[in-house]
C-alpha atoms as a PDB file:
ATOM      1  CA  VAL A   1       0.000   0.000   0.000  1.00  0.00           C
ATOM      2  CA  LEU A   2       2.798   2.378   0.940  1.00  0.00           C
ATOM      3  CA  GLU A   3       4.632   1.683  -2.318  1.00  0.00           C
ATOM      4  CA  SER A   4       1.422   2.298  -4.300  1.00  0.00           C
ATOM      5  CA  LEU A   5       0.896   5.623  -2.543  1.00  0.00           C
ATOM      6  CA  LEU A   6       4.504   6.579  -3.160  1.00  0.00           C
ATOM      7  CA  GLY A   7       4.155   5.673  -6.845  1.00  0.00           C
ATOM      8  CA  LEU A   8       0.958   7.711  -7.144  1.00  0.00           C
ATOM      9  CA  LEU A   9       2.533  10.774  -5.538  1.00  0.00           C
ATOM     10  CA  ARG A  10       5.614  10.463  -7.752  1.00  0.00           C
ATOM     11  CA  ALA A  11       3.423  10.157 -10.833  1.00  0.00           C
ATOM     12  CA  VAL A  12       1.377  13.227  -9.939  1.00  0.00           C
ATOM     13  CA  LEU A  13       4.433  15.301  -9.104  1.00  0.00           C
ATOM     14  CA  GLY A  14       6.177  14.048 -12.235  1.00  0.00           C
ATOM     15  CA  CYS A  15       3.309  15.254 -14.424  1.00  0.00           C
ATOM     16  CA  ASP A  16       3.134  18.792 -15.594  1.00  0.00           C
ATOM     17  CA  ALA A  17       1.770  21.470 -13.309  1.00  0.00           C
ATOM     18  CA  ALA A  18      -1.543  21.442 -15.213  1.00  0.00           C
ATOM     19  CA  LEU A  19      -2.733  18.333 -13.334  1.00  0.00           C
ATOM     20  CA  GLU A  20      -1.897  19.849  -9.965  1.00  0.00           C
ATOM     21  CA  ASP A  21      -3.618  23.093 -11.018  1.00  0.00           C
ATOM     22  CA  GLU A  22      -6.692  21.131 -12.103  1.00  0.00           C
ATOM     23  CA  LEU A  23      -6.814  19.346  -8.746  1.00  0.00           C
ATOM     24  CA  ALA A  24      -6.451  22.672  -6.938  1.00  0.00           C
ATOM     25  CA  ARG A  25      -9.229  24.170  -9.079  1.00  0.00           C
ATOM     26  CA  ARG A  26     -11.517  21.251  -8.285  1.00  0.00           C
ATOM     27  CA  ARG A  27     -10.749  21.672  -4.604  1.00  0.00           C
ATOM     28  CA  GLY A  28     -12.150  25.204  -4.848  1.00  0.00           C
ATOM     29  CA  GLY A  29     -11.325  28.401  -3.049  1.00  0.00           C
ATOM     30  CA  ASP A  30     -12.516  27.282   0.406  1.00  0.00           C
ATOM     31  CA  GLY A  31      -9.867  24.533   0.641  1.00  0.00           C
ATOM     32  CA  GLU A  32     -12.473  21.767   0.829  1.00  0.00           C
ATOM     33  CA  PRO A  33     -12.566  18.980  -1.753  1.00  0.00           C
ATOM     34  CA  GLY A  34     -15.238  19.310  -4.380  1.00  0.00           C
ATOM     35  CA  GLY A  35     -15.717  23.056  -4.027  1.00  0.00           C
ATOM     36  CA  GLY A  36     -15.187  23.703  -7.712  1.00  0.00           C
ATOM     37  CA  SER A  37     -17.150  20.762  -9.169  1.00  0.00           C
ATOM     38  CA  GLU A  38     -19.523  18.026  -8.226  1.00  0.00           C
ATOM     39  CA  GLU A  39     -18.126  15.093  -6.308  1.00  0.00           C
ATOM     40  CA  GLY A  40     -19.646  12.613  -8.750  1.00  0.00           C
ATOM     41  CA  ASP A  41     -17.517  13.557 -11.752  1.00  0.00           C
ATOM     42  CA  LEU A  42     -14.205  12.848  -9.943  1.00  0.00           C
ATOM     43  CA  ALA A  43     -12.422   9.555 -10.402  1.00  0.00           C
ATOM     44  CA  PRO A  44     -11.603   7.719  -7.147  1.00  0.00           C
ATOM     45  CA  THR A  45      -7.914   8.538  -7.606  1.00  0.00           C
ATOM     46  CA  GLU A  46      -8.682  12.238  -8.046  1.00  0.00           C
ATOM     47  CA  SER A  47     -10.908  12.218  -4.960  1.00  0.00           C
ATOM     48  CA  PHE A  48      -8.135  10.576  -2.992  1.00  0.00           C
ATOM     49  CA  LEU A  49      -5.607  13.149  -4.187  1.00  0.00           C
ATOM     50  CA  LEU A  50      -7.983  15.974  -3.276  1.00  0.00           C
ATOM     51  CA  GLU A  51      -8.296  14.583   0.235  1.00  0.00           C
ATOM     52  CA  LEU A  52      -4.499  14.355   0.475  1.00  0.00           C
ATOM     53  CA  MET A  53      -4.062  17.911  -0.771  1.00  0.00           C
ATOM     54  CA  ALA A  54      -6.376  19.085   2.011  1.00  0.00           C
ATOM     55  CA  VAL A  55      -3.795  17.764   4.498  1.00  0.00           C
ATOM     56  CA  ALA A  56      -0.606  19.118   2.903  1.00  0.00           C
ATOM     57  CA  PRO A  57       0.900  19.976  -0.500  1.00  0.00           C
ATOM     58  CA  LEU A  58       1.721  16.936  -2.615  1.00  0.00           C
ATOM     59  CA  ASP A  59       5.494  17.466  -2.535  1.00  0.00           C
ATOM     60  CA  VAL A  60       5.402  17.466   1.294  1.00  0.00           C
ATOM     61  CA  LEU A  61       3.269  14.321   1.277  1.00  0.00           C
ATOM     62  CA  ARG A  62       5.696  12.631  -1.107  1.00  0.00           C
ATOM     63  CA  TRP A  63       8.613  13.487   1.182  1.00  0.00           C
ATOM     64  CA  ARG A  64       6.731  12.066   4.199  1.00  0.00           C
ATOM     65  CA  VAL A  65       5.760   8.883   2.379  1.00  0.00           C
ATOM     66  CA  GLU A  66       9.336   8.387   1.113  1.00  0.00           C
ATOM     67  CA  THR A  67      10.640   8.844   4.655  1.00  0.00           C
ATOM     68  CA  LEU A  68       8.157   6.301   5.998  1.00  0.00           C
ATOM     69  CA  HIS A  69       9.029   3.935   3.147  1.00  0.00           C
ATOM     70  CA  HIS A  70      12.756   4.145   3.978  1.00  0.00           C
ATOM     71  CA  ARG A  71      12.031   3.689   7.664  1.00  0.00           C
ATOM     72  CA  ILE A  72      10.035   0.525   7.013  1.00  0.00           C
ATOM     73  CA  ARG A  73      12.667  -0.896   4.638  1.00  0.00           C
ATOM     74  CA  PHE A  74      15.614  -0.033   6.920  1.00  0.00           C
ATOM     75  CA  PRO A  75      15.678  -3.366   8.843  1.00  0.00           C
ATOM     76  CA  LEU A  76      15.624  -5.291   5.541  1.00  0.00           C
ATOM     77  CA  GLU A  77      18.525  -3.222   4.175  1.00  0.00           C
ATOM     78  CA  VAL A  78      20.470  -3.711   7.408  1.00  0.00           C
ATOM     79  CA  ALA A  79      19.973  -7.481   7.210  1.00  0.00           C
ATOM     80  CA  SER A  80      21.111  -7.542   3.592  1.00  0.00           C
ATOM     81  CA  LEU A  81      24.174  -5.397   4.248  1.00  0.00           C
ATOM     82  CA  SER A  82      25.031  -7.378   7.382  1.00  0.00           C
ATOM     83  CA  GLY A  83      25.259 -10.543   5.307  1.00  0.00           C
ATOM     84  CA  GLN A  84      27.451  -8.855   2.723  1.00  0.00           C
ATOM     85  CA  LEU A  85      29.705  -7.356   5.394  1.00  0.00           C
ATOM     86  CA  GLN A  86      30.051 -10.709   7.151  1.00  0.00           C
ATOM     87  CA  SER A  87      31.019 -12.312   3.856  1.00  0.00           C
ATOM     88  CA  GLY A  88      33.683  -9.631   3.352  1.00  0.00           C
ATOM     89  CA  ILE A  89      34.974 -10.116   6.902  1.00  0.00           C
ATOM     90  CA  ASP A  90      35.195 -13.886   6.358  1.00  0.00           C
ATOM     91  CA  ALA A  91      37.153 -13.335   3.141  1.00  0.00           C
ATOM     92  CA  THR A  92      39.516 -10.953   4.907  1.00  0.00           C
ATOM     93  CA  ARG A  93      40.064 -13.403   7.762  1.00  0.00           C
ATOM     94  CA  GLY A  94      40.741 -16.146   5.244  1.00  0.00           C
ATOM     95  CA  ILE A  95      43.527 -14.114   3.653  1.00  0.00           C
ATOM     96  CA  VAL A  96      44.989 -12.752   6.911  1.00  0.00           C
ATOM     97  CA  ASP A  97      45.065 -16.203   8.549  1.00  0.00           C
ATOM     98  CA  SER A  98      46.375 -17.908   5.409  1.00  0.00           C
ATOM     99  CA  ALA A  99      49.751 -19.616   5.409  1.00  0.00           C
ATOM    100  CA  ALA A 100      49.730 -20.095   1.620  1.00  0.00           C
ATOM    101  CA  PHE A 101      48.846 -16.559   0.500  1.00  0.00           C
ATOM    102  CA  PRO A 102      52.047 -14.913   1.840  1.00  0.00           C
ATOM    103  CA  VAL A 103      54.049 -17.512  -0.106  1.00  0.00           C
ATOM    104  CA  LEU A 104      52.159 -16.503  -3.254  1.00  0.00           C
ATOM    105  CA  LEU A 105      52.796 -12.794  -2.589  1.00  0.00           C
ATOM    106  CA  GLU A 106      56.479 -13.499  -1.992  1.00  0.00           C
ATOM    107  CA  GLY A 107      56.602 -15.369  -5.291  1.00  0.00           C
ATOM    108  CA  VAL A 108      54.934 -12.439  -7.074  1.00  0.00           C
ATOM    109  CA  LEU A 109      57.505 -10.071  -5.536  1.00  0.00           C
ATOM    110  CA  VAL A 110      60.442 -12.254  -6.560  1.00  0.00           C
ATOM    111  CA  MET A 111      59.029 -12.731 -10.059  1.00  0.00           C
ATOM    112  CA  GLY A 112      58.404  -8.984 -10.464  1.00  0.00           C
ATOM    113  CA  ASN A 113      61.897  -8.073  -9.279  1.00  0.00           C
ATOM    114  CA  TYR A 114      63.418 -10.674 -11.611  1.00  0.00           C
ATOM    115  CA  VAL A 115      61.451  -9.478 -14.635  1.00  0.00           C
ATOM    116  CA  ASN A 116      62.161  -5.820 -13.842  1.00  0.00           C
ATOM    117  CA  ALA A 117      65.820  -6.298 -12.817  1.00  0.00           C
ATOM    118  CA  GLY A 118      67.032  -4.008 -15.570  1.00  0.00           C
ATOM    119  CA  SER A 119      64.903  -1.100 -14.354  1.00  0.00           C
ATOM    120  CA  THR A 120      66.316   1.063 -11.566  1.00  0.00           C
ATOM    121  CA  ARG A 121      62.810   2.132 -10.522  1.00  0.00           C
ATOM    122  CA  LEU A 122      60.959  -1.204 -10.706  1.00  0.00           C
ATOM    123  CA  GLY A 123      63.678  -3.779 -10.071  1.00  0.00           C
ATOM    124  CA  LYS A 124      63.963  -3.416  -6.308  1.00  0.00           C
ATOM    125  CA  ALA A 125      60.348  -3.510  -5.160  1.00  0.00           C
ATOM    126  CA  LEU A 126      59.692  -4.197  -1.482  1.00  0.00           C
ATOM    127  CA  ALA A 127      56.010  -5.058  -1.773  1.00  0.00           C
ATOM    128  CA  VAL A 128      53.288  -5.956  -4.246  1.00  0.00           C
ATOM    129  CA  THR A 129      49.790  -4.612  -4.733  1.00  0.00           C
ATOM    130  CA  LEU A 130      46.663  -6.646  -5.307  1.00  0.00           C
ATOM    131  CA  ASP A 131      46.462  -4.919  -8.663  1.00  0.00           C
ATOM    132  CA  SER A 132      49.679  -6.681  -9.660  1.00  0.00           C
ATOM    133  CA  LEU A 133      47.966 -10.050  -9.046  1.00  0.00           C
ATOM    134  CA  GLU A 134      45.282  -9.100 -11.531  1.00  0.00           C
ATOM    135  CA  LYS A 135      47.912  -8.008 -14.038  1.00  0.00           C
ATOM    136  CA  LEU A 136      49.723 -11.339 -13.651  1.00  0.00           C
ATOM    137  CA  ALA A 137      46.440 -13.174 -14.172  1.00  0.00           C
ATOM    138  CA  HIS A 138      46.049 -11.408 -17.530  1.00  0.00           C
ATOM    139  CA  THR A 139      49.694 -11.633 -18.637  1.00  0.00           C
ATOM    140  CA  LYS A 140      50.198 -14.496 -21.084  1.00  0.00           C
ATOM    141  CA  ALA A 141      53.127 -16.816 -20.486  1.00  0.00           C
ATOM    142  CA  ARG A 142      55.132 -18.089 -23.438  1.00  0.00           C
ATOM    143  CA  SER A 143      53.728 -21.335 -24.778  1.00  0.00           C
ATOM    144  CA  GLY A 144      57.167 -22.984 -24.722  1.00  0.00           C
ATOM    145  CA  VAL A 145      57.678 -22.367 -20.981  1.00  0.00           C
ATOM    146  CA  GLN A 146      56.922 -25.432 -18.919  1.00  0.00           C
ATOM    147  CA  ALA A 147      56.283 -25.243 -15.210  1.00  0.00           C
ATOM    148  CA  ARG A 148      57.123 -27.950 -12.706  1.00  0.00           C
ATOM    149  CA  GLY A 149      54.164 -30.244 -12.917  1.00  0.00           C
ATOM    150  CA  GLY A 150      54.033 -30.327 -16.711  1.00  0.00           C
ATOM    151  CA  SER A 151      51.594 -27.522 -17.606  1.00  0.00           C
ATOM    152  CA  ARG A 152      52.472 -25.400 -20.641  1.00  0.00           C
ATOM    153  CA  GLY A 153      51.312 -21.942 -21.600  1.00  0.00           C
ATOM    154  CA  GLY A 154      48.589 -20.097 -19.681  1.00  0.00           C
ATOM    155  CA  THR A 155      49.187 -16.961 -17.676  1.00  0.00           C
ATOM    156  CA  ALA A 156      52.114 -15.696 -15.644  1.00  0.00           C
ATOM    157  CA  LEU A 157      50.102 -16.197 -12.440  1.00  0.00           C
ATOM    158  CA  GLY A 158      49.276 -19.774 -13.414  1.00  0.00           C
ATOM    159  CA  LEU A 159      52.933 -20.428 -14.148  1.00  0.00           C
ATOM    160  CA  LEU A 160      53.937 -18.938 -10.783  1.00  0.00           C
ATOM    161  CA  VAL A 161      51.362 -21.030  -8.885  1.00  0.00           C
ATOM    162  CA  ALA A 162      52.557 -24.162 -10.684  1.00  0.00           C
ATOM    163  CA  GLN A 163      56.184 -23.352  -9.769  1.00  0.00           C
ATOM    164  CA  LEU A 164      55.276 -22.697  -6.134  1.00  0.00           C
ATOM    165  CA  ALA A 165      53.182 -25.876  -5.959  1.00  0.00           C
ATOM    166  CA  GLY A 166      56.167 -27.799  -7.294  1.00  0.00           C
ATOM    167  CA  ALA A 167      58.437 -26.247  -4.678  1.00  0.00           C
ATOM    168  CA  HIS A 168      56.045 -26.441  -1.711  1.00  0.00           C
ATOM    169  CA  GLY A 169      54.031 -29.499  -2.674  1.00  0.00           C
ATOM    170  CA  GLN A 170      50.421 -30.135  -3.606  1.00  0.00           C
ATOM    171  CA  PRO A 171      49.124 -29.397  -0.054  1.00  0.00           C
ATOM    172  CA  TRP A 172      50.228 -25.763  -0.535  1.00  0.00           C
ATOM    173  CA  ARG A 173      48.092 -25.454  -3.686  1.00  0.00           C
ATOM    174  CA  THR A 174      45.131 -27.056  -1.897  1.00  0.00           C
ATOM    175  CA  ALA A 175      45.546 -24.673   1.071  1.00  0.00           C
ATOM    176  CA  LEU A 176      45.728 -21.656  -1.265  1.00  0.00           C
ATOM    177  CA  ALA A 177      42.564 -22.758  -3.067  1.00  0.00           C
ATOM    178  CA  ALA A 178      40.752 -23.192   0.258  1.00  0.00           C
ATOM    179  CA  ASP A 179      41.881 -19.773   1.470  1.00  0.00           C
ATOM    180  CA  LEU A 180      40.821 -18.063  -1.744  1.00  0.00           C
ATOM    181  CA  HIS A 181      37.458 -19.852  -1.751  1.00  0.00           C
ATOM    182  CA  ARG A 182      36.196 -17.373   0.874  1.00  0.00           C
ATOM    183  CA  CYS A 183      37.145 -14.510  -1.436  1.00  0.00           C
ATOM    184  CA  PHE A 184      35.137 -15.983  -4.297  1.00  0.00           C
ATOM    185  CA  ALA A 185      32.163 -16.431  -1.947  1.00  0.00           C
ATOM    186  CA  ALA A 186      32.348 -12.724  -1.052  1.00  0.00           C
ATOM    187  CA  ARG A 187      32.120 -11.551  -4.681  1.00  0.00           C
END
């Protein structure tokens, strides 16, 4: 009901001023509904709007109805956002508590410093950004390069993960996948 009223008020206020003037004319000079015409020739919606206009101007009524609408929907929005926030917190805890993710970041740092060794500005990085992980995921590896474990081609990130899995064993790759699973759930 509240949403219907809100829609009606928005529609009336969204129309040109002629409709509001017509409703005011039909209300008449004494402020009472029906002063300017007979009650019988008004549609039920027009009669309802005339009654509302006797209380307050339509733009004030729309503001009040919108406020009430937001107040009623607030607990639903809080519940929705609480779930999303909890998902983000779980993903963050998964990364912070991870034993495999720091190994991956260290590998990205070593790989970046190796690739950029010739650059005085980029060759001695002390940290990596999450943006660099995305760039590695989109950087194609040469098709002739073979990682430990036998995979060929793919991306630089895939090649790095394969190398690290070869060095640290399959349990490391499984732990990394489990840790990152929370991040995918938070998307």
